[in-house]
Structure formats: C-alpha cells, structure tokens
Full PDB file with SEQRES, HELIX, SHEET, SSBOND, CRYST1, ORIGX, SCALE, CONECT and MASTER records, all heavy atoms in Angstrom:
SEQRES   1 A   35  ASN ASP LEU THR TYR MET GLU LYS THR SER THR THR ALA          
SEQRES   2 A   35  THR ASP MET ILE HIS ALA ILE PRO GLU GLU ASN VAL LYS          
SEQRES   3 A   35  HIS VAL PHE ILE ALA ARG TYR LEU HIS                          
HELIX    1 AA1 ASP A    2  ALA A   19  1                                  18    
HELIX    2 AA2 GLU A   23  PHE A   29  1                                   7    
HELIX    3 AA3 ILE A   30  LEU A   34  3                                   5    
CRYST1    1.000    1.000    1.000  90.00  90.00  90.00 P 1           1          
ORIGX1      1.000000  0.000000  0.000000        0.00000                         
ORIGX2      0.000000  1.000000  0.000000        0.00000                         
ORIGX3      0.000000  0.000000  1.000000        0.00000                         
SCALE1      1.000000  0.000000  0.000000        0.00000                         
SCALE2      0.000000  1.000000  0.000000        0.00000                         
SCALE3      0.000000  0.000000  1.000000        0.00000                         
ATOM      1  N   ASN A   1     -30.364 -26.162  21.956  1.00  0.00           N  
ATOM      2  CA  ASN A   1     -29.773 -24.829  21.806  1.00  0.00           C  
ATOM      3  C   ASN A   1     -30.837 -23.743  21.933  1.00  0.00           C  
ATOM      4  O   ASN A   1     -30.608 -22.701  22.548  1.00  0.00           O  
ATOM      5  CB  ASN A   1     -29.053 -24.699  20.461  1.00  0.00           C  
ATOM      6  CG  ASN A   1     -27.793 -25.535  20.406  1.00  0.00           C  
ATOM      7  OD1 ASN A   1     -27.226 -25.897  21.425  1.00  0.00           O  
ATOM      8  ND2 ASN A   1     -27.361 -25.862  19.203  1.00  0.00           N  
ATOM      9  N   ASP A   2     -32.016 -24.001  21.347  1.00  0.00           N  
ATOM     10  CA  ASP A   2     -33.119 -23.042  21.453  1.00  0.00           C  
ATOM     11  C   ASP A   2     -33.515 -22.828  22.909  1.00  0.00           C  
ATOM     12  O   ASP A   2     -33.702 -21.695  23.357  1.00  0.00           O  
ATOM     13  CB  ASP A   2     -34.344 -23.521  20.670  1.00  0.00           C  
ATOM     14  CG  ASP A   2     -34.166 -23.418  19.162  1.00  0.00           C  
ATOM     15  OD1 ASP A   2     -33.166 -22.826  18.707  1.00  0.00           O  
ATOM     16  OD2 ASP A   2     -35.036 -23.950  18.436  1.00  0.00           O  
ATOM     17  N   LEU A   3     -33.650 -23.924  23.655  1.00  0.00           N  
ATOM     18  CA  LEU A   3     -34.044 -23.808  25.064  1.00  0.00           C  
ATOM     19  C   LEU A   3     -32.994 -23.060  25.871  1.00  0.00           C  
ATOM     20  O   LEU A   3     -33.325 -22.241  26.732  1.00  0.00           O  
ATOM     21  CB  LEU A   3     -34.294 -25.190  25.661  1.00  0.00           C  
ATOM     22  CG  LEU A   3     -35.602 -25.854  25.265  1.00  0.00           C  
ATOM     23  CD1 LEU A   3     -35.649 -27.288  25.773  1.00  0.00           C  
ATOM     24  CD2 LEU A   3     -36.793 -25.065  25.786  1.00  0.00           C  
ATOM     25  N   THR A   4     -31.732 -23.320  25.608  1.00  0.00           N  
ATOM     26  CA  THR A   4     -30.649 -22.616  26.302  1.00  0.00           C  
ATOM     27  C   THR A   4     -30.725 -21.125  26.012  1.00  0.00           C  
ATOM     28  O   THR A   4     -30.618 -20.295  26.920  1.00  0.00           O  
ATOM     29  CB  THR A   4     -29.282 -23.179  25.870  1.00  0.00           C  
ATOM     30  OG1 THR A   4     -29.244 -24.568  26.199  1.00  0.00           O  
ATOM     31  CG2 THR A   4     -28.148 -22.454  26.557  1.00  0.00           C  
ATOM     32  N   TYR A   5     -30.930 -20.773  24.741  1.00  0.00           N  
ATOM     33  CA  TYR A   5     -31.052 -19.368  24.357  1.00  0.00           C  
ATOM     34  C   TYR A   5     -32.258 -18.721  25.043  1.00  0.00           C  
ATOM     35  O   TYR A   5     -32.165 -17.613  25.574  1.00  0.00           O  
ATOM     36  CB  TYR A   5     -31.183 -19.234  22.837  1.00  0.00           C  
ATOM     37  CG  TYR A   5     -31.493 -17.822  22.414  1.00  0.00           C  
ATOM     38  CD1 TYR A   5     -30.486 -16.873  22.347  1.00  0.00           C  
ATOM     39  CD2 TYR A   5     -32.796 -17.443  22.120  1.00  0.00           C  
ATOM     40  CE1 TYR A   5     -30.774 -15.561  21.990  1.00  0.00           C  
ATOM     41  CE2 TYR A   5     -33.091 -16.138  21.754  1.00  0.00           C  
ATOM     42  CZ  TYR A   5     -32.083 -15.203  21.695  1.00  0.00           C  
ATOM     43  OH  TYR A   5     -32.379 -13.912  21.353  1.00  0.00           O  
ATOM     44  N   MET A   6     -33.397 -19.411  25.054  1.00  0.00           N  
ATOM     45  CA  MET A   6     -34.604 -18.864  25.667  1.00  0.00           C  
ATOM     46  C   MET A   6     -34.385 -18.594  27.152  1.00  0.00           C  
ATOM     47  O   MET A   6     -34.794 -17.561  27.676  1.00  0.00           O  
ATOM     48  CB  MET A   6     -35.782 -19.816  25.467  1.00  0.00           C  
ATOM     49  CG  MET A   6     -36.289 -19.883  24.059  1.00  0.00           C  
ATOM     50  SD  MET A   6     -37.635 -21.101  23.944  1.00  0.00           S  
ATOM     51  CE  MET A   6     -37.503 -21.597  22.246  1.00  0.00           C  
ATOM     52  N   GLU A   7     -33.754 -19.533  27.821  1.00  0.00           N  
ATOM     53  CA  GLU A   7     -33.495 -19.363  29.253  1.00  0.00           C  
ATOM     54  C   GLU A   7     -32.573 -18.177  29.496  1.00  0.00           C  
ATOM     55  O   GLU A   7     -32.823 -17.347  30.372  1.00  0.00           O  
ATOM     56  CB  GLU A   7     -32.886 -20.638  29.827  1.00  0.00           C  
ATOM     57  CG  GLU A   7     -32.587 -20.534  31.306  1.00  0.00           C  
ATOM     58  CD  GLU A   7     -31.950 -21.796  31.863  1.00  0.00           C  
ATOM     59  OE1 GLU A   7     -31.395 -22.591  31.101  1.00  0.00           O  
ATOM     60  OE2 GLU A   7     -32.000 -21.954  33.088  1.00  0.00           O  
ATOM     61  N   LYS A   8     -31.510 -18.071  28.715  1.00  0.00           N  
ATOM     62  CA  LYS A   8     -30.547 -16.983  28.877  1.00  0.00           C  
ATOM     63  C   LYS A   8     -31.208 -15.634  28.611  1.00  0.00           C  
ATOM     64  O   LYS A   8     -31.015 -14.679  29.355  1.00  0.00           O  
ATOM     65  CB  LYS A   8     -29.362 -17.178  27.928  1.00  0.00           C  
ATOM     66  CG  LYS A   8     -28.343 -16.077  28.001  1.00  0.00           C  
ATOM     67  CD  LYS A   8     -27.223 -16.297  27.018  1.00  0.00           C  
ATOM     68  CE  LYS A   8     -26.283 -15.110  27.045  1.00  0.00           C  
ATOM     69  NZ  LYS A   8     -25.349 -15.125  25.942  1.00  0.00           N  
ATOM     70  N   THR A   9     -31.996 -15.550  27.552  1.00  0.00           N  
ATOM     71  CA  THR A   9     -32.644 -14.298  27.190  1.00  0.00           C  
ATOM     72  C   THR A   9     -33.648 -13.870  28.245  1.00  0.00           C  
ATOM     73  O   THR A   9     -33.702 -12.707  28.636  1.00  0.00           O  
ATOM     74  CB  THR A   9     -33.334 -14.439  25.822  1.00  0.00           C  
ATOM     75  OG1 THR A   9     -32.347 -14.792  24.864  1.00  0.00           O  
ATOM     76  CG2 THR A   9     -33.988 -13.146  25.394  1.00  0.00           C  
ATOM     77  N   SER A  10     -34.443 -14.799  28.735  1.00  0.00           N  
ATOM     78  CA  SER A  10     -35.430 -14.487  29.762  1.00  0.00           C  
ATOM     79  C   SER A  10     -34.753 -13.996  31.037  1.00  0.00           C  
ATOM     80  O   SER A  10     -35.179 -13.024  31.646  1.00  0.00           O  
ATOM     81  CB  SER A  10     -36.297 -15.703  30.044  1.00  0.00           C  
ATOM     82  OG  SER A  10     -37.249 -15.402  31.018  1.00  0.00           O  
ATOM     83  N   THR A  11     -33.681 -14.669  31.433  1.00  0.00           N  
ATOM     84  CA  THR A  11     -32.939 -14.263  32.626  1.00  0.00           C  
ATOM     85  C   THR A  11     -32.343 -12.880  32.436  1.00  0.00           C  
ATOM     86  O   THR A  11     -32.410 -12.041  33.328  1.00  0.00           O  
ATOM     87  CB  THR A  11     -31.835 -15.298  32.944  1.00  0.00           C  
ATOM     88  OG1 THR A  11     -32.453 -16.557  33.157  1.00  0.00           O  
ATOM     89  CG2 THR A  11     -31.046 -14.896  34.172  1.00  0.00           C  
ATOM     90  N   THR A  12     -31.784 -12.612  31.268  1.00  0.00           N  
ATOM     91  CA  THR A  12     -31.197 -11.307  30.990  1.00  0.00           C  
ATOM     92  C   THR A  12     -32.248 -10.212  31.107  1.00  0.00           C  
ATOM     93  O   THR A  12     -32.015  -9.179  31.720  1.00  0.00           O  
ATOM     94  CB  THR A  12     -30.563 -11.288  29.578  1.00  0.00           C  
ATOM     95  OG1 THR A  12     -29.562 -12.292  29.523  1.00  0.00           O  
ATOM     96  CG2 THR A  12     -29.960  -9.945  29.261  1.00  0.00           C  
ATOM     97  N   ALA A  13     -33.414 -10.425  30.522  1.00  0.00           N  
ATOM     98  CA  ALA A  13     -34.470  -9.418  30.562  1.00  0.00           C  
ATOM     99  C   ALA A  13     -34.935  -9.163  32.001  1.00  0.00           C  
ATOM    100  O   ALA A  13     -35.112  -8.012  32.406  1.00  0.00           O  
ATOM    101  CB  ALA A  13     -35.639  -9.858  29.692  1.00  0.00           C  
ATOM    102  N   THR A  14     -35.119 -10.216  32.772  1.00  0.00           N  
ATOM    103  CA  THR A  14     -35.532 -10.065  34.168  1.00  0.00           C  
ATOM    104  C   THR A  14     -34.471  -9.314  34.960  1.00  0.00           C  
ATOM    105  O   THR A  14     -34.790  -8.408  35.742  1.00  0.00           O  
ATOM    106  CB  THR A  14     -35.797 -11.447  34.801  1.00  0.00           C  
ATOM    107  OG1 THR A  14     -36.794 -12.114  34.024  1.00  0.00           O  
ATOM    108  CG2 THR A  14     -36.276 -11.320  36.229  1.00  0.00           C  
ATOM    109  N   ASP A  15     -33.208  -9.657  34.752  1.00  0.00           N  
ATOM    110  CA  ASP A  15     -32.116  -8.966  35.434  1.00  0.00           C  
ATOM    111  C   ASP A  15     -32.077  -7.486  35.052  1.00  0.00           C  
ATOM    112  O   ASP A  15     -31.820  -6.623  35.904  1.00  0.00           O  
ATOM    113  CB  ASP A  15     -30.768  -9.619  35.101  1.00  0.00           C  
ATOM    114  CG  ASP A  15     -30.622 -11.009  35.697  1.00  0.00           C  
ATOM    115  OD1 ASP A  15     -31.409 -11.372  36.604  1.00  0.00           O  
ATOM    116  OD2 ASP A  15     -29.722 -11.740  35.244  1.00  0.00           O  
ATOM    117  N   MET A  16     -32.317  -7.193  33.785  1.00  0.00           N  
ATOM    118  CA  MET A  16     -32.332  -5.803  33.325  1.00  0.00           C  
ATOM    119  C   MET A  16     -33.415  -5.013  34.049  1.00  0.00           C  
ATOM    120  O   MET A  16     -33.171  -3.891  34.513  1.00  0.00           O  
ATOM    121  CB  MET A  16     -32.576  -5.748  31.807  1.00  0.00           C  
ATOM    122  CG  MET A  16     -31.405  -6.204  30.979  1.00  0.00           C  
ATOM    123  SD  MET A  16     -31.828  -6.446  29.229  1.00  0.00           S  
ATOM    124  CE  MET A  16     -32.263  -4.798  28.729  1.00  0.00           C  
ATOM    125  N   ILE A  17     -34.598  -5.589  34.141  1.00  0.00           N  
ATOM    126  CA  ILE A  17     -35.699  -4.900  34.812  1.00  0.00           C  
ATOM    127  C   ILE A  17     -35.359  -4.643  36.275  1.00  0.00           C  
ATOM    128  O   ILE A  17     -35.557  -3.545  36.796  1.00  0.00           O  
ATOM    129  CB  ILE A  17     -37.007  -5.703  34.674  1.00  0.00           C  
ATOM    130  CG1 ILE A  17     -37.491  -5.649  33.229  1.00  0.00           C  
ATOM    131  CG2 ILE A  17     -38.081  -5.191  35.638  1.00  0.00           C  
ATOM    132  CD1 ILE A  17     -38.655  -6.571  32.913  1.00  0.00           C  
ATOM    133  N   HIS A  18     -34.812  -5.635  36.941  1.00  0.00           N  
ATOM    134  CA  HIS A  18     -34.497  -5.477  38.366  1.00  0.00           C  
ATOM    135  C   HIS A  18     -33.318  -4.544  38.611  1.00  0.00           C  
ATOM    136  O   HIS A  18     -33.132  -4.086  39.737  1.00  0.00           O  
ATOM    137  CB  HIS A  18     -34.282  -6.848  39.014  1.00  0.00           C  
ATOM    138  CG  HIS A  18     -35.562  -7.592  39.204  1.00  0.00           C  
ATOM    139  ND1 HIS A  18     -36.528  -7.216  40.109  1.00  0.00           N  
ATOM    140  CD2 HIS A  18     -36.066  -8.673  38.570  1.00  0.00           C  
ATOM    141  CE1 HIS A  18     -37.557  -8.032  40.041  1.00  0.00           C  
ATOM    142  NE2 HIS A  18     -37.308  -8.927  39.103  1.00  0.00           N  
ATOM    143  N   ALA A  19     -32.562  -4.219  37.578  1.00  0.00           N  
ATOM    144  CA  ALA A  19     -31.433  -3.293  37.716  1.00  0.00           C  
ATOM    145  C   ALA A  19     -31.865  -1.829  37.637  1.00  0.00           C  
ATOM    146  O   ALA A  19     -31.084  -0.933  37.982  1.00  0.00           O  
ATOM    147  CB  ALA A  19     -30.393  -3.574  36.628  1.00  0.00           C  
ATOM    148  N   ILE A  20     -33.084  -1.564  37.201  1.00  0.00           N  
ATOM    149  CA  ILE A  20     -33.554  -0.180  37.105  1.00  0.00           C  
ATOM    150  C   ILE A  20     -33.509   0.438  38.499  1.00  0.00           C  
ATOM    151  O   ILE A  20     -34.097  -0.094  39.440  1.00  0.00           O  
ATOM    152  CB  ILE A  20     -34.988  -0.124  36.516  1.00  0.00           C  
ATOM    153  CG1 ILE A  20     -34.986  -0.665  35.073  1.00  0.00           C  
ATOM    154  CG2 ILE A  20     -35.542   1.295  36.579  1.00  0.00           C  
ATOM    155  CD1 ILE A  20     -36.371  -0.857  34.480  1.00  0.00           C  
ATOM    156  N   PRO A  21     -32.802   1.566  38.649  1.00  0.00           N  
ATOM    157  CA  PRO A  21     -32.566   2.104  39.991  1.00  0.00           C  
ATOM    158  C   PRO A  21     -33.775   2.759  40.660  1.00  0.00           C  
ATOM    159  O   PRO A  21     -33.903   2.693  41.882  1.00  0.00           O  
ATOM    160  CB  PRO A  21     -31.452   3.129  39.775  1.00  0.00           C  
ATOM    161  CG  PRO A  21     -31.507   3.484  38.339  1.00  0.00           C  
ATOM    162  CD  PRO A  21     -32.059   2.294  37.631  1.00  0.00           C  
ATOM    163  N   GLU A  22     -34.661   3.362  39.905  1.00  0.00           N  
ATOM    164  CA  GLU A  22     -35.815   4.037  40.514  1.00  0.00           C  
ATOM    165  C   GLU A  22     -36.938   3.037  40.743  1.00  0.00           C  
ATOM    166  O   GLU A  22     -37.414   2.401  39.802  1.00  0.00           O  
ATOM    167  CB  GLU A  22     -36.303   5.178  39.624  1.00  0.00           C  
ATOM    168  CG  GLU A  22     -35.360   6.355  39.607  1.00  0.00           C  
ATOM    169  CD  GLU A  22     -35.964   7.550  38.903  1.00  0.00           C  
ATOM    170  OE1 GLU A  22     -37.140   7.891  39.187  1.00  0.00           O  
ATOM    171  OE2 GLU A  22     -35.263   8.126  38.056  1.00  0.00           O  
ATOM    172  N   GLU A  23     -37.359   2.907  41.978  1.00  0.00           N  
ATOM    173  CA  GLU A  23     -38.361   1.899  42.347  1.00  0.00           C  
ATOM    174  C   GLU A  23     -39.677   2.056  41.593  1.00  0.00           C  
ATOM    175  O   GLU A  23     -40.238   1.069  41.123  1.00  0.00           O  
ATOM    176  CB  GLU A  23     -38.615   1.920  43.856  1.00  0.00           C  
ATOM    177  CG  GLU A  23     -37.464   1.363  44.679  1.00  0.00           C  
ATOM    178  CD  GLU A  23     -37.130  -0.086  44.351  1.00  0.00           C  
ATOM    179  OE1 GLU A  23     -38.053  -0.921  44.260  1.00  0.00           O  
ATOM    180  OE2 GLU A  23     -35.936  -0.375  44.171  1.00  0.00           O  
ATOM    181  N   ASN A  24     -40.185   3.284  41.453  1.00  0.00           N  
ATOM    182  CA  ASN A  24     -41.475   3.457  40.778  1.00  0.00           C  
ATOM    183  C   ASN A  24     -41.368   3.074  39.300  1.00  0.00           C  
ATOM    184  O   ASN A  24     -42.302   2.491  38.741  1.00  0.00           O  
ATOM    185  CB  ASN A  24     -42.031   4.869  40.962  1.00  0.00           C  
ATOM    186  CG  ASN A  24     -41.081   5.959  40.499  1.00  0.00           C  
ATOM    187  OD1 ASN A  24     -39.898   5.727  40.255  1.00  0.00           O  
ATOM    188  ND2 ASN A  24     -41.598   7.164  40.402  1.00  0.00           N  
ATOM    189  N   VAL A  25     -40.234   3.345  38.679  1.00  0.00           N  
ATOM    190  CA  VAL A  25     -40.020   2.963  37.278  1.00  0.00           C  
ATOM    191  C   VAL A  25     -39.905   1.439  37.183  1.00  0.00           C  
ATOM    192  O   VAL A  25     -40.503   0.808  36.312  1.00  0.00           O  
ATOM    193  CB  VAL A  25     -38.759   3.654  36.709  1.00  0.00           C  
ATOM    194  CG1 VAL A  25     -38.457   3.169  35.305  1.00  0.00           C  
ATOM    195  CG2 VAL A  25     -38.922   5.173  36.729  1.00  0.00           C  
ATOM    196  N   LYS A  26     -39.159   0.854  38.103  1.00  0.00           N  
ATOM    197  CA  LYS A  26     -38.995  -0.604  38.133  1.00  0.00           C  
ATOM    198  C   LYS A  26     -40.347  -1.300  38.290  1.00  0.00           C  
ATOM    199  O   LYS A  26     -40.623  -2.289  37.619  1.00  0.00           O  
ATOM    200  CB  LYS A  26     -38.073  -1.009  39.281  1.00  0.00           C  
ATOM    201  CG  LYS A  26     -37.755  -2.489  39.326  1.00  0.00           C  
ATOM    202  CD  LYS A  26     -36.981  -2.905  40.557  1.00  0.00           C  
ATOM    203  CE  LYS A  26     -35.788  -2.049  40.790  1.00  0.00           C  
ATOM    204  NZ  LYS A  26     -34.957  -2.479  41.923  1.00  0.00           N  
ATOM    205  N   HIS A  27     -41.201  -0.766  39.148  1.00  0.00           N  
ATOM    206  CA  HIS A  27     -42.521  -1.371  39.367  1.00  0.00           C  
ATOM    207  C   HIS A  27     -43.376  -1.324  38.104  1.00  0.00           C  
ATOM    208  O   HIS A  27     -44.121  -2.265  37.821  1.00  0.00           O  
ATOM    209  CB  HIS A  27     -43.240  -0.705  40.536  1.00  0.00           C  
ATOM    210  CG  HIS A  27     -42.629  -1.016  41.868  1.00  0.00           C  
ATOM    211  ND1 HIS A  27     -42.460  -2.292  42.332  1.00  0.00           N  
ATOM    212  CD2 HIS A  27     -42.120  -0.201  42.827  1.00  0.00           C  
ATOM    213  CE1 HIS A  27     -41.879  -2.267  43.524  1.00  0.00           C  
ATOM    214  NE2 HIS A  27     -41.658  -1.008  43.847  1.00  0.00           N  
ATOM    215  N   VAL A  28     -43.261  -0.250  37.329  1.00  0.00           N  
ATOM    216  CA  VAL A  28     -43.983  -0.165  36.056  1.00  0.00           C  
ATOM    217  C   VAL A  28     -43.503  -1.279  35.123  1.00  0.00           C  
ATOM    218  O   VAL A  28     -44.305  -1.969  34.492  1.00  0.00           O  
ATOM    219  CB  VAL A  28     -43.800   1.226  35.399  1.00  0.00           C  
ATOM    220  CG1 VAL A  28     -44.280   1.217  33.949  1.00  0.00           C  
ATOM    221  CG2 VAL A  28     -44.535   2.294  36.203  1.00  0.00           C  
ATOM    222  N   PHE A  29     -42.191  -1.504  35.060  1.00  0.00           N  
ATOM    223  CA  PHE A  29     -41.644  -2.539  34.181  1.00  0.00           C  
ATOM    224  C   PHE A  29     -42.019  -3.942  34.658  1.00  0.00           C  
ATOM    225  O   PHE A  29     -42.329  -4.813  33.843  1.00  0.00           O  
ATOM    226  CB  PHE A  29     -40.119  -2.399  34.072  1.00  0.00           C  
ATOM    227  CG  PHE A  29     -39.705  -1.434  33.004  1.00  0.00           C  
ATOM    228  CD1 PHE A  29     -39.847  -0.071  33.193  1.00  0.00           C  
ATOM    229  CD2 PHE A  29     -39.187  -1.888  31.803  1.00  0.00           C  
ATOM    230  CE1 PHE A  29     -39.495   0.820  32.201  1.00  0.00           C  
ATOM    231  CE2 PHE A  29     -38.831  -1.015  30.805  1.00  0.00           C  
ATOM    232  CZ  PHE A  29     -38.983   0.353  30.996  1.00  0.00           C  
ATOM    233  N   ILE A  30     -42.007  -4.155  35.948  1.00  0.00           N  
ATOM    234  CA  ILE A  30     -42.411  -5.461  36.490  1.00  0.00           C  
ATOM    235  C   ILE A  30     -43.877  -5.732  36.147  1.00  0.00           C  
ATOM    236  O   ILE A  30     -44.227  -6.817  35.676  1.00  0.00           O  
ATOM    237  CB  ILE A  30     -42.165  -5.528  38.011  1.00  0.00           C  
ATOM    238  CG1 ILE A  30     -40.652  -5.568  38.288  1.00  0.00           C  
ATOM    239  CG2 ILE A  30     -42.875  -6.725  38.644  1.00  0.00           C  
ATOM    240  CD1 ILE A  30     -40.271  -5.383  39.748  1.00  0.00           C  
ATOM    241  N   ALA A  31     -44.714  -4.727  36.352  1.00  0.00           N  
ATOM    242  CA  ALA A  31     -46.141  -4.891  36.047  1.00  0.00           C  
ATOM    243  C   ALA A  31     -46.364  -5.117  34.555  1.00  0.00           C  
ATOM    244  O   ALA A  31     -47.160  -5.973  34.158  1.00  0.00           O  
ATOM    245  CB  ALA A  31     -46.914  -3.660  36.518  1.00  0.00           C  
ATOM    246  N   ARG A  32     -45.648  -4.369  33.724  1.00  0.00           N  
ATOM    247  CA  ARG A  32     -45.870  -4.437  32.274  1.00  0.00           C  
ATOM    248  C   ARG A  32     -45.316  -5.723  31.660  1.00  0.00           C  
ATOM    249  O   ARG A  32     -45.988  -6.381  30.876  1.00  0.00           O  
ATOM    250  CB  ARG A  32     -45.208  -3.217  31.607  1.00  0.00           C  
ATOM    251  CG  ARG A  32     -45.396  -3.144  30.124  1.00  0.00           C  
ATOM    252  CD  ARG A  32     -46.803  -2.783  29.783  1.00  0.00           C  
ATOM    253  NE  ARG A  32     -46.935  -2.599  28.338  1.00  0.00           N  
ATOM    254  CZ  ARG A  32     -48.065  -2.467  27.721  1.00  0.00           C  
ATOM    255  NH1 ARG A  32     -49.188  -2.462  28.409  1.00  0.00           N  
ATOM    256  NH2 ARG A  32     -48.122  -2.324  26.434  1.00  0.00           N  
ATOM    257  N   TYR A  33     -44.082  -6.080  32.014  1.00  0.00           N  
ATOM    258  CA  TYR A  33     -43.417  -7.180  31.319  1.00  0.00           C  
ATOM    259  C   TYR A  33     -43.464  -8.517  32.059  1.00  0.00           C  
ATOM    260  O   TYR A  33     -43.536  -9.553  31.429  1.00  0.00           O  
ATOM    261  CB  TYR A  33     -41.967  -6.800  31.002  1.00  0.00           C  
ATOM    262  CG  TYR A  33     -41.901  -5.630  30.056  1.00  0.00           C  
ATOM    263  CD1 TYR A  33     -41.560  -4.372  30.501  1.00  0.00           C  
ATOM    264  CD2 TYR A  33     -42.228  -5.790  28.713  1.00  0.00           C  
ATOM    265  CE1 TYR A  33     -41.526  -3.293  29.629  1.00  0.00           C  
ATOM    266  CE2 TYR A  33     -42.208  -4.716  27.840  1.00  0.00           C  
ATOM    267  CZ  TYR A  33     -41.848  -3.470  28.302  1.00  0.00           C  
ATOM    268  OH  TYR A  33     -41.837  -2.412  27.439  1.00  0.00           O  
ATOM    269  N   LEU A  34     -43.423  -8.496  33.366  1.00  0.00           N  
ATOM    270  CA  LEU A  34     -43.458  -9.759  34.105  1.00  0.00           C  
ATOM    271  C   LEU A  34     -44.891 -10.189  34.416  1.00  0.00           C  
ATOM    272  O   LEU A  34     -45.218 -11.370  34.333  1.00  0.00           O  
ATOM    273  CB  LEU A  34     -42.639  -9.658  35.392  1.00  0.00           C  
ATOM    274  CG  LEU A  34     -41.150  -9.330  35.202  1.00  0.00           C  
ATOM    275  CD1 LEU A  34     -40.446  -9.270  36.547  1.00  0.00           C  
ATOM    276  CD2 LEU A  34     -40.468 -10.318  34.284  1.00  0.00           C  
ATOM    277  N   HIS A  35     -45.743  -9.218  34.765  1.00  0.00           N  
ATOM    278  CA  HIS A  35     -47.135  -9.551  35.085  1.00  0.00           C  
ATOM    279  C   HIS A  35     -48.079  -9.320  33.909  1.00  0.00           C  
ATOM    280  O   HIS A  35     -49.259  -9.649  33.996  1.00  0.00           O  
ATOM    281  CB  HIS A  35     -47.601  -8.759  36.307  1.00  0.00           C  
ATOM    282  CG  HIS A  35     -46.815  -9.078  37.539  1.00  0.00           C  
ATOM    283  ND1 HIS A  35     -46.837 -10.310  38.143  1.00  0.00           N  
ATOM    284  CD2 HIS A  35     -45.948  -8.321  38.261  1.00  0.00           C  
ATOM    285  CE1 HIS A  35     -46.028 -10.301  39.194  1.00  0.00           C  
ATOM    286  NE2 HIS A  35     -45.472  -9.110  39.284  1.00  0.00           N  
TER     287      HIS A  35                                                      
MASTER        0    0    0    3    0    0    0    6  286    1    0    3          
END                                                                             
C-alpha cells in the first residue's frame, strides 16, 4: 500500500508541474523539484 501511494503521489506531482501553462515557470519547477 505504501509503494502504491508513493507511486501515485509522485506521478501526481510530476503531472502538476507539467500542467503549469507558462514555460519559464514550468522550467523553474522542473529544475527545482525534478532535478
């Protein structure tokens, strides 16, 4: 159950970042949270 939750949460966060409409803002979030 923990692993399922972790996978779902990680996917949700990544999807949220990629949904940001402004490219320069999205790039800041990708750099900060993914990299």
